[in-house]
């Protein structure tokens, strides 16, 4: 593998166009859910500290109110000493090579295509990397990825399902809805906050909405705003019991059509309904306020761009006829609030 540390600083060149492509494919490929369920915050230090303040400790004590006499001062907002969560960020790097032959054979108006293709693949691969790091914290034992052992998921937070959600008769039984309402109540009771997302796999996605709506004796409205519509809709993006449903790998409208790599390689199949809370469910960057289960610290060196693409001809270009590309990627995940996740299962 090419080691860019052997290239002098003056030889290293930023490729702005390919950087834009990498960022575009990294941020706009909406099939990935790691940034939505594990908030990202930026830092200028490799050893970052996240200070957690418990909101409940800031409540006024019994009998106190905010009223004050004229000229007086308000009550002091009480806060407990914050707890510290340490992140140690290791540097990572993704490299690629472009043979000059590939550039020469490209059409005259598409000489940049070999570089653009690798930038697209880099965006997908960087998402694949973070999805691979985050997913184990949410997958109970019994998934296809972790059939027998996974120490990262808190085993005590797996609640037994009332029955098989896939094969039961919703005309005579009703337990999907009660199971979901029960885990929402249990989550709220345990953590003092209601879950705002639920995760199911693509197999459960094929029957979930159909079963649940029949159980509730209702039907799916077929696109009242436009002609047509999907009469067998995905649960992805729908809201059930106050939770947005996420289906890893489910195609979203904003996903680039030529995006590569798929979250299904990471999540596999899992017969569970997983619930949790994220303060950045929309995928925006986290301001470190609000509870979360797992967070991602993103180290950004001064003067660098996120996922910037560097491009440099091989020092022995006349011999090797290669151009090197590389992407620095320095992000790590860490549990912030232990056990802030629950699951129902197995549901099929």
C-alpha atoms as a PDB file:
ATOM      1  CA  UNK A   1       0.000   0.000   0.000  1.00  0.00           C
ATOM      2  CA  UNK A   2       1.207   3.489  -0.813  1.00  0.00           C
ATOM      3  CA  UNK A   3       2.515   5.354   2.217  1.00  0.00           C
ATOM      4  CA  UNK A   4       1.908   9.091   1.720  1.00  0.00           C
ATOM      5  CA  UNK A   5       4.255   9.819   4.618  1.00  0.00           C
ATOM      6  CA  UNK A   6       7.055   9.197   2.118  1.00  0.00           C
ATOM      7  CA  UNK A   7       5.800  12.072  -0.022  1.00  0.00           C
ATOM      8  CA  UNK A   8       7.041  15.544   0.849  1.00  0.00           C
ATOM      9  CA  UNK A   9       4.449  18.108   1.901  1.00  0.00           C
ATOM     10  CA  UNK A  10       4.981  20.161  -1.222  1.00  0.00           C
ATOM     11  CA  UNK A  11       4.149  17.130  -3.369  1.00  0.00           C
ATOM     12  CA  UNK A  12       0.844  16.384  -1.653  1.00  0.00           C
ATOM     13  CA  UNK A  13      -2.040  18.008  -3.527  1.00  0.00           C
ATOM     14  CA  UNK A  14      -5.634  18.457  -2.435  1.00  0.00           C
ATOM     15  CA  UNK A  15      -8.178  17.434  -5.079  1.00  0.00           C
ATOM     16  CA  UNK A  16     -11.136  19.778  -4.388  1.00  0.00           C
ATOM     17  CA  UNK A  17     -13.467  18.276  -7.007  1.00  0.00           C
ATOM     18  CA  UNK A  18     -12.989  14.729  -5.737  1.00  0.00           C
ATOM     19  CA  UNK A  19     -13.287  15.971  -2.149  1.00  0.00           C
ATOM     20  CA  UNK A  20     -16.706  17.397  -3.015  1.00  0.00           C
ATOM     21  CA  UNK A  21     -17.763  14.089  -4.553  1.00  0.00           C
ATOM     22  CA  UNK A  22     -16.598  12.121  -1.502  1.00  0.00           C
ATOM     23  CA  UNK A  23     -18.440  14.406   0.924  1.00  0.00           C
ATOM     24  CA  UNK A  24     -21.554  14.349  -1.282  1.00  0.00           C
ATOM     25  CA  UNK A  25     -21.716  10.566  -1.347  1.00  0.00           C
ATOM     26  CA  UNK A  26     -20.822  10.248   2.325  1.00  0.00           C
ATOM     27  CA  UNK A  27     -23.512  12.634   3.542  1.00  0.00           C
ATOM     28  CA  UNK A  28     -26.305  12.082   1.019  1.00  0.00           C
ATOM     29  CA  UNK A  29     -26.437   8.290   0.940  1.00  0.00           C
ATOM     30  CA  UNK A  30     -29.459   8.011   3.214  1.00  0.00           C
ATOM     31  CA  UNK A  31     -29.472   4.227   3.501  1.00  0.00           C
ATOM     32  CA  UNK A  32     -26.911   4.397   6.322  1.00  0.00           C
ATOM     33  CA  UNK A  33     -28.181   5.078   9.817  1.00  0.00           C
ATOM     34  CA  UNK A  34     -25.024   5.279  11.953  1.00  0.00           C
ATOM     35  CA  UNK A  35     -24.986   9.112  12.067  1.00  0.00           C
ATOM     36  CA  UNK A  36     -28.677   9.181  12.964  1.00  0.00           C
ATOM     37  CA  UNK A  37     -28.540   6.777  15.902  1.00  0.00           C
ATOM     38  CA  UNK A  38     -24.979   7.572  17.096  1.00  0.00           C
ATOM     39  CA  UNK A  39     -24.545  11.377  17.081  1.00  0.00           C
ATOM     40  CA  UNK A  40     -21.354  12.903  15.666  1.00  0.00           C
ATOM     41  CA  UNK A  41     -19.481  15.826  17.195  1.00  0.00           C
ATOM     42  CA  UNK A  42     -16.302  17.435  15.886  1.00  0.00           C
ATOM     43  CA  UNK A  43     -13.184  18.010  17.963  1.00  0.00           C
ATOM     44  CA  UNK A  44      -9.747  19.496  17.451  1.00  0.00           C
ATOM     45  CA  UNK A  45      -8.129  17.062  19.885  1.00  0.00           C
ATOM     46  CA  UNK A  46      -7.286  13.405  19.414  1.00  0.00           C
ATOM     47  CA  UNK A  47      -8.085  12.733  23.071  1.00  0.00           C
ATOM     48  CA  UNK A  48     -11.495  14.321  23.445  1.00  0.00           C
ATOM     49  CA  UNK A  49     -13.553  14.609  26.612  1.00  0.00           C
ATOM     50  CA  UNK A  50     -17.312  14.758  26.561  1.00  0.00           C
ATOM     51  CA  UNK A  51     -18.812  16.305  29.679  1.00  0.00           C
ATOM     52  CA  UNK A  52     -22.251  14.953  30.578  1.00  0.00           C
ATOM     53  CA  UNK A  53     -24.640  16.953  32.735  1.00  0.00           C
ATOM     54  CA  UNK A  54     -27.716  15.246  34.125  1.00  0.00           C
ATOM     55  CA  UNK A  55     -30.747  17.369  33.306  1.00  0.00           C
ATOM     56  CA  UNK A  56     -32.714  16.071  36.312  1.00  0.00           C
ATOM     57  CA  UNK A  57     -30.128  17.530  38.676  1.00  0.00           C
ATOM     58  CA  UNK A  58     -30.834  21.016  37.340  1.00  0.00           C
ATOM     59  CA  UNK A  59     -34.498  21.005  38.408  1.00  0.00           C
ATOM     60  CA  UNK A  60     -35.395  23.525  41.129  1.00  0.00           C
ATOM     61  CA  UNK A  61     -35.726  21.896  44.533  1.00  0.00           C
ATOM     62  CA  UNK A  62     -39.149  21.378  46.026  1.00  0.00           C
ATOM     63  CA  UNK A  63     -40.770  24.630  47.074  1.00  0.00           C
ATOM     64  CA  UNK A  64     -38.502  26.821  44.963  1.00  0.00           C
ATOM     65  CA  UNK A  65     -39.921  29.009  42.216  1.00  0.00           C
ATOM     66  CA  UNK A  66     -38.427  31.478  39.789  1.00  0.00           C
ATOM     67  CA  UNK A  67     -40.257  34.491  41.263  1.00  0.00           C
ATOM     68  CA  UNK A  68     -38.029  37.057  42.937  1.00  0.00           C
ATOM     69  CA  UNK A  69     -38.469  40.327  44.728  1.00  0.00           C
ATOM     70  CA  UNK A  70     -37.762  43.548  42.861  1.00  0.00           C
ATOM     71  CA  UNK A  71     -34.031  44.091  42.753  1.00  0.00           C
ATOM     72  CA  UNK A  72     -33.338  40.565  43.948  1.00  0.00           C
ATOM     73  CA  UNK A  73     -31.506  37.784  42.192  1.00  0.00           C
ATOM     74  CA  UNK A  74     -32.926  34.596  40.768  1.00  0.00           C
ATOM     75  CA  UNK A  75     -32.352  31.143  42.171  1.00  0.00           C
ATOM     76  CA  UNK A  76     -29.094  29.464  41.283  1.00  0.00           C
ATOM     77  CA  UNK A  77     -29.469  26.709  38.710  1.00  0.00           C
ATOM     78  CA  UNK A  78     -28.152  23.627  40.528  1.00  0.00           C
ATOM     79  CA  UNK A  79     -25.889  21.299  38.575  1.00  0.00           C
ATOM     80  CA  UNK A  80     -24.111  18.174  39.588  1.00  0.00           C
ATOM     81  CA  UNK A  81     -20.448  17.762  38.830  1.00  0.00           C
ATOM     82  CA  UNK A  82     -20.428  16.587  35.202  1.00  0.00           C
ATOM     83  CA  UNK A  83     -19.342  13.068  34.341  1.00  0.00           C
ATOM     84  CA  UNK A  84     -16.529  12.716  31.852  1.00  0.00           C
ATOM     85  CA  UNK A  85     -16.555  10.374  28.848  1.00  0.00           C
ATOM     86  CA  UNK A  86     -13.167   9.905  27.186  1.00  0.00           C
ATOM     87  CA  UNK A  87     -12.671   9.397  23.449  1.00  0.00           C
ATOM     88  CA  UNK A  88      -9.277   8.423  22.047  1.00  0.00           C
ATOM     89  CA  UNK A  89      -9.266   8.925  18.303  1.00  0.00           C
ATOM     90  CA  UNK A  90      -6.973   6.830  16.147  1.00  0.00           C
ATOM     91  CA  UNK A  91      -6.107   8.102  12.699  1.00  0.00           C
ATOM     92  CA  UNK A  92      -7.300   6.076   9.731  1.00  0.00           C
ATOM     93  CA  UNK A  93      -6.570   6.291   6.050  1.00  0.00           C
ATOM     94  CA  UNK A  94      -8.180   4.953   2.914  1.00  0.00           C
ATOM     95  CA  UNK A  95      -5.925   4.675  -0.156  1.00  0.00           C
ATOM     96  CA  UNK A  96      -6.425   3.929  -3.830  1.00  0.00           C
ATOM     97  CA  UNK A  97      -4.343   3.872  -6.994  1.00  0.00           C
ATOM     98  CA  UNK A  98      -5.258   4.939 -10.514  1.00  0.00           C
ATOM     99  CA  UNK A  99      -3.264   3.338 -13.364  1.00  0.00           C
ATOM    100  CA  UNK A 100      -2.379   5.834 -16.089  1.00  0.00           C
ATOM    101  CA  UNK A 101      -3.655   3.298 -18.615  1.00  0.00           C
ATOM    102  CA  UNK A 102      -7.161   3.719 -17.207  1.00  0.00           C
ATOM    103  CA  UNK A 103      -6.931   7.497 -17.639  1.00  0.00           C
ATOM    104  CA  UNK A 104      -5.563   7.192 -21.173  1.00  0.00           C
ATOM    105  CA  UNK A 105      -8.392   4.879 -22.234  1.00  0.00           C
ATOM    106  CA  UNK A 106     -11.119   7.160 -20.864  1.00  0.00           C
ATOM    107  CA  UNK A 107     -13.044   9.290 -23.329  1.00  0.00           C
ATOM    108  CA  UNK A 108     -11.573  12.708 -24.041  1.00  0.00           C
ATOM    109  CA  UNK A 109     -14.305  14.456 -22.076  1.00  0.00           C
ATOM    110  CA  UNK A 110     -14.147  11.976 -19.157  1.00  0.00           C
ATOM    111  CA  UNK A 111     -10.494  11.893 -18.135  1.00  0.00           C
ATOM    112  CA  UNK A 112     -11.488  12.606 -14.526  1.00  0.00           C
ATOM    113  CA  UNK A 113     -13.856   9.635 -14.338  1.00  0.00           C
ATOM    114  CA  UNK A 114     -11.290   7.172 -12.905  1.00  0.00           C
ATOM    115  CA  UNK A 115     -10.687   9.575 -10.013  1.00  0.00           C
ATOM    116  CA  UNK A 116     -14.384  10.303  -9.546  1.00  0.00           C
ATOM    117  CA  UNK A 117     -15.252   6.598  -9.415  1.00  0.00           C
ATOM    118  CA  UNK A 118     -12.775   6.091  -6.590  1.00  0.00           C
ATOM    119  CA  UNK A 119     -14.148   9.147  -4.775  1.00  0.00           C
ATOM    120  CA  UNK A 120     -17.651   7.675  -4.954  1.00  0.00           C
ATOM    121  CA  UNK A 121     -16.381   4.350  -3.659  1.00  0.00           C
ATOM    122  CA  UNK A 122     -14.481   6.141  -0.875  1.00  0.00           C
ATOM    123  CA  UNK A 123     -17.653   7.865   0.330  1.00  0.00           C
ATOM    124  CA  UNK A 124     -19.431   4.504   0.494  1.00  0.00           C
ATOM    125  CA  UNK A 125     -16.506   2.772   2.151  1.00  0.00           C
ATOM    126  CA  UNK A 126     -16.233   5.440   4.857  1.00  0.00           C
ATOM    127  CA  UNK A 127     -19.936   4.992   5.631  1.00  0.00           C
ATOM    128  CA  UNK A 128     -19.438   1.228   5.650  1.00  0.00           C
ATOM    129  CA  UNK A 129     -16.603   1.632   8.160  1.00  0.00           C
ATOM    130  CA  UNK A 130     -18.664   3.669  10.637  1.00  0.00           C
ATOM    131  CA  UNK A 131     -21.766   1.510  10.226  1.00  0.00           C
ATOM    132  CA  UNK A 132     -19.583  -1.513  11.013  1.00  0.00           C
ATOM    133  CA  UNK A 133     -18.364   0.146  14.223  1.00  0.00           C
ATOM    134  CA  UNK A 134     -21.766   1.357  15.423  1.00  0.00           C
ATOM    135  CA  UNK A 135     -24.108  -1.545  14.557  1.00  0.00           C
ATOM    136  CA  UNK A 136     -22.784  -4.067  17.155  1.00  0.00           C
ATOM    137  CA  UNK A 137     -23.959  -1.825  20.000  1.00  0.00           C
ATOM    138  CA  UNK A 138     -27.550  -2.246  18.764  1.00  0.00           C
ATOM    139  CA  UNK A 139     -27.639  -5.895  17.645  1.00  0.00           C
ATOM    140  CA  UNK A 140     -28.723  -8.493  20.230  1.00  0.00           C
ATOM    141  CA  UNK A 141     -27.353 -12.017  20.210  1.00  0.00           C
ATOM    142  CA  UNK A 142     -29.390 -14.055  17.735  1.00  0.00           C
ATOM    143  CA  UNK A 143     -28.876 -11.806  14.727  1.00  0.00           C
ATOM    144  CA  UNK A 144     -27.177 -13.220  11.646  1.00  0.00           C
ATOM    145  CA  UNK A 145     -24.071 -11.176  12.471  1.00  0.00           C
ATOM    146  CA  UNK A 146     -23.971 -12.259  16.129  1.00  0.00           C
ATOM    147  CA  UNK A 147     -25.686 -15.655  16.427  1.00  0.00           C
ATOM    148  CA  UNK A 148     -24.224 -16.533  19.844  1.00  0.00           C
ATOM    149  CA  UNK A 149     -21.906 -13.845  21.270  1.00  0.00           C
ATOM    150  CA  UNK A 150     -22.002 -10.043  21.303  1.00  0.00           C
ATOM    151  CA  UNK A 151     -20.823  -8.404  24.502  1.00  0.00           C
ATOM    152  CA  UNK A 152     -21.564  -4.885  23.241  1.00  0.00           C
ATOM    153  CA  UNK A 153     -25.371  -5.179  23.402  1.00  0.00           C
ATOM    154  CA  UNK A 154     -26.737  -5.154  26.996  1.00  0.00           C
ATOM    155  CA  UNK A 155     -28.367  -8.588  27.160  1.00  0.00           C
ATOM    156  CA  UNK A 156     -30.643  -7.583  30.069  1.00  0.00           C
ATOM    157  CA  UNK A 157     -32.389  -5.075  27.778  1.00  0.00           C
ATOM    158  CA  UNK A 158     -33.865  -7.730  25.479  1.00  0.00           C
ATOM    159  CA  UNK A 159     -37.606  -8.135  26.158  1.00  0.00           C
ATOM    160  CA  UNK A 160     -39.377 -11.337  25.120  1.00  0.00           C
ATOM    161  CA  UNK A 161     -41.948 -10.871  22.343  1.00  0.00           C
ATOM    162  CA  UNK A 162     -45.533 -11.991  23.002  1.00  0.00           C
ATOM    163  CA  UNK A 163     -45.465 -14.200  19.917  1.00  0.00           C
ATOM    164  CA  UNK A 164     -44.391 -14.537  16.301  1.00  0.00           C
ATOM    165  CA  UNK A 165     -45.209 -11.214  14.617  1.00  0.00           C
ATOM    166  CA  UNK A 166     -44.812 -12.663  11.133  1.00  0.00           C
ATOM    167  CA  UNK A 167     -47.196 -15.599  11.265  1.00  0.00           C
ATOM    168  CA  UNK A 168     -49.932 -14.672  13.719  1.00  0.00           C
ATOM    169  CA  UNK A 169     -53.485 -13.803  12.648  1.00  0.00           C
ATOM    170  CA  UNK A 170     -54.113 -10.078  13.246  1.00  0.00           C
ATOM    171  CA  UNK A 171     -57.847 -10.617  12.803  1.00  0.00           C
ATOM    172  CA  UNK A 172     -58.103 -12.677  15.999  1.00  0.00           C
ATOM    173  CA  UNK A 173     -55.012 -11.655  17.997  1.00  0.00           C
ATOM    174  CA  UNK A 174     -53.396  -8.376  18.959  1.00  0.00           C
ATOM    175  CA  UNK A 175     -49.892  -8.222  20.327  1.00  0.00           C
ATOM    176  CA  UNK A 176     -47.617  -6.211  17.987  1.00  0.00           C
ATOM    177  CA  UNK A 177     -49.154  -2.958  19.203  1.00  0.00           C
ATOM    178  CA  UNK A 178     -49.137  -3.945  22.897  1.00  0.00           C
ATOM    179  CA  UNK A 179     -45.537  -5.191  22.610  1.00  0.00           C
ATOM    180  CA  UNK A 180     -44.451  -1.843  21.146  1.00  0.00           C
ATOM    181  CA  UNK A 181     -46.373   0.220  23.680  1.00  0.00           C
ATOM    182  CA  UNK A 182     -44.922  -1.947  26.452  1.00  0.00           C
ATOM    183  CA  UNK A 183     -41.301  -1.410  25.424  1.00  0.00           C
ATOM    184  CA  UNK A 184     -41.856   2.333  25.016  1.00  0.00           C
ATOM    185  CA  UNK A 185     -43.207   2.453  28.579  1.00  0.00           C
ATOM    186  CA  UNK A 186     -40.348   0.288  29.883  1.00  0.00           C
ATOM    187  CA  UNK A 187     -37.754   2.470  28.130  1.00  0.00           C
ATOM    188  CA  UNK A 188     -39.332   5.620  29.597  1.00  0.00           C
ATOM    189  CA  UNK A 189     -39.479   4.089  33.075  1.00  0.00           C
ATOM    190  CA  UNK A 190     -35.862   2.886  32.947  1.00  0.00           C
ATOM    191  CA  UNK A 191     -34.172   5.906  31.370  1.00  0.00           C
ATOM    192  CA  UNK A 192     -36.602   8.762  31.983  1.00  0.00           C
ATOM    193  CA  UNK A 193     -36.979   9.465  28.284  1.00  0.00           C
ATOM    194  CA  UNK A 194     -39.129   7.995  25.521  1.00  0.00           C
ATOM    195  CA  UNK A 195     -37.418   6.297  22.554  1.00  0.00           C
ATOM    196  CA  UNK A 196     -37.597   8.219  19.294  1.00  0.00           C
ATOM    197  CA  UNK A 197     -36.483   5.529  16.844  1.00  0.00           C
ATOM    198  CA  UNK A 198     -37.110   1.854  16.166  1.00  0.00           C
ATOM    199  CA  UNK A 199     -34.973  -0.401  13.947  1.00  0.00           C
ATOM    200  CA  UNK A 200     -36.163  -3.438  11.984  1.00  0.00           C
ATOM    201  CA  UNK A 201     -34.471  -5.426   9.234  1.00  0.00           C
ATOM    202  CA  UNK A 202     -35.606  -5.752   5.627  1.00  0.00           C
ATOM    203  CA  UNK A 203     -37.314  -9.118   6.240  1.00  0.00           C
ATOM    204  CA  UNK A 204     -39.511  -7.706   9.009  1.00  0.00           C
ATOM    205  CA  UNK A 205     -40.090  -4.680   6.789  1.00  0.00           C
ATOM    206  CA  UNK A 206     -41.931  -6.856   4.246  1.00  0.00           C
ATOM    207  CA  UNK A 207     -44.778  -7.642   6.643  1.00  0.00           C
ATOM    208  CA  UNK A 208     -44.599  -5.172   9.537  1.00  0.00           C
ATOM    209  CA  UNK A 209     -46.922  -2.418   8.310  1.00  0.00           C
ATOM    210  CA  UNK A 210     -49.407  -4.889   6.831  1.00  0.00           C
ATOM    211  CA  UNK A 211     -49.704  -6.865  10.087  1.00  0.00           C
ATOM    212  CA  UNK A 212     -49.804  -3.828  12.353  1.00  0.00           C
ATOM    213  CA  UNK A 213     -52.460  -2.002  10.335  1.00  0.00           C
ATOM    214  CA  UNK A 214     -54.655  -5.106  10.131  1.00  0.00           C
ATOM    215  CA  UNK A 215     -54.275  -5.518  13.883  1.00  0.00           C
ATOM    216  CA  UNK A 216     -55.457  -1.934  14.300  1.00  0.00           C
ATOM    217  CA  UNK A 217     -58.262  -2.508  11.765  1.00  0.00           C
ATOM    218  CA  UNK A 218     -57.114   0.261   9.463  1.00  0.00           C
ATOM    219  CA  UNK A 219     -55.724   0.533   5.956  1.00  0.00           C
ATOM    220  CA  UNK A 220     -52.831   2.239   4.215  1.00  0.00           C
ATOM    221  CA  UNK A 221     -53.762   5.414   2.346  1.00  0.00           C
ATOM    222  CA  UNK A 222     -52.302   5.242  -1.128  1.00  0.00           C
ATOM    223  CA  UNK A 223     -50.550   8.541  -1.790  1.00  0.00           C
ATOM    224  CA  UNK A 224     -53.263  11.146  -1.500  1.00  0.00           C
ATOM    225  CA  UNK A 225     -50.928  13.835  -2.852  1.00  0.00           C
ATOM    226  CA  UNK A 226     -49.970  12.235  -6.147  1.00  0.00           C
ATOM    227  CA  UNK A 227     -51.167   9.589  -8.512  1.00  0.00           C
ATOM    228  CA  UNK A 228     -50.061   6.063  -7.830  1.00  0.00           C
ATOM    229  CA  UNK A 229     -47.958   5.345  -4.772  1.00  0.00           C
ATOM    230  CA  UNK A 230     -46.579   2.187  -3.222  1.00  0.00           C
ATOM    231  CA  UNK A 231     -49.404  -0.118  -2.138  1.00  0.00           C
ATOM    232  CA  UNK A 232     -46.916  -2.250  -0.180  1.00  0.00           C
ATOM    233  CA  UNK A 233     -44.952   0.521   1.525  1.00  0.00           C
ATOM    234  CA  UNK A 234     -41.774   0.175   3.518  1.00  0.00           C
ATOM    235  CA  UNK A 235     -41.964   0.973   7.212  1.00  0.00           C
ATOM    236  CA  UNK A 236     -38.802   3.059   6.806  1.00  0.00           C
ATOM    237  CA  UNK A 237     -39.477   6.673   7.762  1.00  0.00           C
ATOM    238  CA  UNK A 238     -42.926   6.032   9.223  1.00  0.00           C
ATOM    239  CA  UNK A 239     -43.721   6.952  12.817  1.00  0.00           C
ATOM    240  CA  UNK A 240     -45.097   4.352  15.237  1.00  0.00           C
ATOM    241  CA  UNK A 241     -45.672   5.130  18.925  1.00  0.00           C
ATOM    242  CA  UNK A 242     -43.641   8.317  18.589  1.00  0.00           C
ATOM    243  CA  UNK A 243     -40.666   6.472  17.051  1.00  0.00           C
ATOM    244  CA  UNK A 244     -39.340   6.909  13.530  1.00  0.00           C
ATOM    245  CA  UNK A 245     -38.796   3.480  11.996  1.00  0.00           C
ATOM    246  CA  UNK A 246     -35.412   2.828  10.405  1.00  0.00           C
ATOM    247  CA  UNK A 247     -34.665  -0.041   8.042  1.00  0.00           C
ATOM    248  CA  UNK A 248     -30.893  -0.331   7.431  1.00  0.00           C
ATOM    249  CA  UNK A 249     -30.321  -0.443   3.690  1.00  0.00           C
ATOM    250  CA  UNK A 250     -33.781   0.759   2.741  1.00  0.00           C
ATOM    251  CA  UNK A 251     -33.419   2.985  -0.284  1.00  0.00           C
ATOM    252  CA  UNK A 252     -34.274   6.644   0.259  1.00  0.00           C
ATOM    253  CA  UNK A 253     -35.072   9.184  -2.418  1.00  0.00           C
ATOM    254  CA  UNK A 254     -31.954  11.212  -1.676  1.00  0.00           C
ATOM    255  CA  UNK A 255     -29.559   8.282  -2.076  1.00  0.00           C
ATOM    256  CA  UNK A 256     -27.253   8.752  -5.093  1.00  0.00           C
ATOM    257  CA  UNK A 257     -28.265   6.231  -7.746  1.00  0.00           C
ATOM    258  CA  UNK A 258     -24.710   4.996  -8.299  1.00  0.00           C
ATOM    259  CA  UNK A 259     -23.798   4.723  -4.622  1.00  0.00           C
ATOM    260  CA  UNK A 260     -21.839   1.574  -3.794  1.00  0.00           C
ATOM    261  CA  UNK A 261     -21.751  -0.702  -0.720  1.00  0.00           C
ATOM    262  CA  UNK A 262     -24.835  -1.526   1.295  1.00  0.00           C
ATOM    263  CA  UNK A 263     -25.696  -1.406   5.016  1.00  0.00           C
ATOM    264  CA  UNK A 264     -27.172  -4.901   4.705  1.00  0.00           C
ATOM    265  CA  UNK A 265     -23.576  -6.181   4.653  1.00  0.00           C
ATOM    266  CA  UNK A 266     -23.181  -4.728   8.146  1.00  0.00           C
ATOM    267  CA  UNK A 267     -26.538  -5.359   9.822  1.00  0.00           C
ATOM    268  CA  UNK A 268     -27.423  -8.681   8.221  1.00  0.00           C
ATOM    269  CA  UNK A 269     -30.803  -9.968   9.433  1.00  0.00           C
ATOM    270  CA  UNK A 270     -32.098  -9.730  12.992  1.00  0.00           C
ATOM    271  CA  UNK A 271     -35.467 -10.943  14.327  1.00  0.00           C
ATOM    272  CA  UNK A 272     -35.811  -8.003  16.712  1.00  0.00           C
ATOM    273  CA  UNK A 273     -37.543  -4.660  17.071  1.00  0.00           C
ATOM    274  CA  UNK A 274     -34.795  -2.397  18.467  1.00  0.00           C
ATOM    275  CA  UNK A 275     -35.615   0.942  20.120  1.00  0.00           C
ATOM    276  CA  UNK A 276     -33.422   3.819  21.287  1.00  0.00           C
ATOM    277  CA  UNK A 277     -33.068   7.556  21.602  1.00  0.00           C
ATOM    278  CA  UNK A 278     -30.897   9.911  19.553  1.00  0.00           C
ATOM    279  CA  UNK A 279     -30.782  13.725  19.854  1.00  0.00           C
ATOM    280  CA  UNK A 280     -29.726  13.988  16.190  1.00  0.00           C
ATOM    281  CA  UNK A 281     -32.144  11.674  14.452  1.00  0.00           C
ATOM    282  CA  UNK A 282     -32.037  13.953  11.407  1.00  0.00           C
ATOM    283  CA  UNK A 283     -28.332  13.200  10.957  1.00  0.00           C
ATOM    284  CA  UNK A 284     -27.099  16.689  11.873  1.00  0.00           C
ATOM    285  CA  UNK A 285     -23.961  17.265  13.929  1.00  0.00           C
ATOM    286  CA  UNK A 286     -24.376  16.959  17.698  1.00  0.00           C
ATOM    287  CA  UNK A 287     -23.940  19.900  20.073  1.00  0.00           C
ATOM    288  CA  UNK A 288     -23.331  17.500  23.001  1.00  0.00           C
ATOM    289  CA  UNK A 289     -26.673  18.368  24.611  1.00  0.00           C
ATOM    290  CA  UNK A 290     -29.177  15.605  25.334  1.00  0.00           C
ATOM    291  CA  UNK A 291     -28.781  11.935  26.173  1.00  0.00           C
ATOM    292  CA  UNK A 292     -27.404   9.450  23.695  1.00  0.00           C
ATOM    293  CA  UNK A 293     -26.285   5.827  23.853  1.00  0.00           C
ATOM    294  CA  UNK A 294     -23.282   5.850  21.506  1.00  0.00           C
ATOM    295  CA  UNK A 295     -21.557   8.953  20.126  1.00  0.00           C
ATOM    296  CA  UNK A 296     -18.927   9.476  17.440  1.00  0.00           C
ATOM    297  CA  UNK A 297     -16.022  11.896  17.916  1.00  0.00           C
ATOM    298  CA  UNK A 298     -14.689  13.282  14.630  1.00  0.00           C
ATOM    299  CA  UNK A 299     -11.158  14.712  14.790  1.00  0.00           C
ATOM    300  CA  UNK A 300     -10.533  17.473  12.273  1.00  0.00           C
ATOM    301  CA  UNK A 301      -7.024  18.770  11.855  1.00  0.00           C
ATOM    302  CA  UNK A 302      -6.625  22.547  11.544  1.00  0.00           C
ATOM    303  CA  UNK A 303      -6.823  23.595   7.906  1.00  0.00           C
ATOM    304  CA  UNK A 304      -8.168  20.259   6.677  1.00  0.00           C
ATOM    305  CA  UNK A 305     -11.520  19.531   5.086  1.00  0.00           C
ATOM    306  CA  UNK A 306     -13.750  16.618   6.167  1.00  0.00           C
ATOM    307  CA  UNK A 307     -12.874  13.539   4.075  1.00  0.00           C
ATOM    308  CA  UNK A 308     -10.605  15.591   1.837  1.00  0.00           C
ATOM    309  CA  UNK A 309      -9.189  13.791  -1.176  1.00  0.00           C
ATOM    310  CA  UNK A 310      -5.445  13.943  -1.725  1.00  0.00           C
ATOM    311  CA  UNK A 311      -3.990  13.066  -5.100  1.00  0.00           C
ATOM    312  CA  UNK A 312      -0.363  12.619  -6.061  1.00  0.00           C
ATOM    313  CA  UNK A 313       1.544  11.009  -8.948  1.00  0.00           C
ATOM    314  CA  UNK A 314       3.775   8.175  -7.827  1.00  0.00           C
ATOM    315  CA  UNK A 315       7.315   9.408  -7.051  1.00  0.00           C
ATOM    316  CA  UNK A 316       8.484   6.853  -9.642  1.00  0.00           C
ATOM    317  CA  UNK A 317       5.721   7.696 -12.104  1.00  0.00           C
ATOM    318  CA  UNK A 318       7.852   7.004 -15.188  1.00  0.00           C
ATOM    319  CA  UNK A 319       8.308   3.453 -13.917  1.00  0.00           C
ATOM    320  CA  UNK A 320       4.952   2.669 -12.252  1.00  0.00           C
ATOM    321  CA  UNK A 321       2.548   4.914 -14.201  1.00  0.00           C
ATOM    322  CA  UNK A 322       0.324   5.287 -11.152  1.00  0.00           C
ATOM    323  CA  UNK A 323      -1.466   8.133  -9.389  1.00  0.00           C
ATOM    324  CA  UNK A 324      -2.203   7.729  -5.692  1.00  0.00           C
ATOM    325  CA  UNK A 325      -5.328   8.947  -3.912  1.00  0.00           C
ATOM    326  CA  UNK A 326      -5.956   8.907  -0.171  1.00  0.00           C
ATOM    327  CA  UNK A 327      -8.510  10.052   2.377  1.00  0.00           C
ATOM    328  CA  UNK A 328      -7.707  10.736   6.027  1.00  0.00           C
ATOM    329  CA  UNK A 329     -10.513   9.566   8.301  1.00  0.00           C
ATOM    330  CA  UNK A 330     -10.252  10.063  12.022  1.00  0.00           C
ATOM    331  CA  UNK A 331     -13.418   9.176  13.881  1.00  0.00           C
ATOM    332  CA  UNK A 332     -14.197   6.803  16.739  1.00  0.00           C
ATOM    333  CA  UNK A 333     -17.269   5.661  18.635  1.00  0.00           C
ATOM    334  CA  UNK A 334     -17.836   5.427  22.375  1.00  0.00           C
ATOM    335  CA  UNK A 335     -20.709   4.561  24.728  1.00  0.00           C
ATOM    336  CA  UNK A 336     -21.922   7.758  26.415  1.00  0.00           C
ATOM    337  CA  UNK A 337     -24.944   6.591  28.414  1.00  0.00           C
ATOM    338  CA  UNK A 338     -24.766   2.890  29.161  1.00  0.00           C
ATOM    339  CA  UNK A 339     -27.645   0.640  28.121  1.00  0.00           C
ATOM    340  CA  UNK A 340     -29.753   3.368  26.436  1.00  0.00           C
ATOM    341  CA  UNK A 341     -31.158   0.757  24.049  1.00  0.00           C
ATOM    342  CA  UNK A 342     -33.793  -1.981  24.270  1.00  0.00           C
ATOM    343  CA  UNK A 343     -35.185  -4.630  21.940  1.00  0.00           C
ATOM    344  CA  UNK A 344     -38.173  -6.956  21.586  1.00  0.00           C
ATOM    345  CA  UNK A 345     -37.552 -10.412  20.280  1.00  0.00           C
ATOM    346  CA  UNK A 346     -37.410 -12.740  18.687  1.00  0.00           C
ATOM    347  CA  UNK A 347     -40.383 -11.445  16.688  1.00  0.00           C
ATOM    348  CA  UNK A 348     -40.275 -14.073  13.944  1.00  0.00           C
END
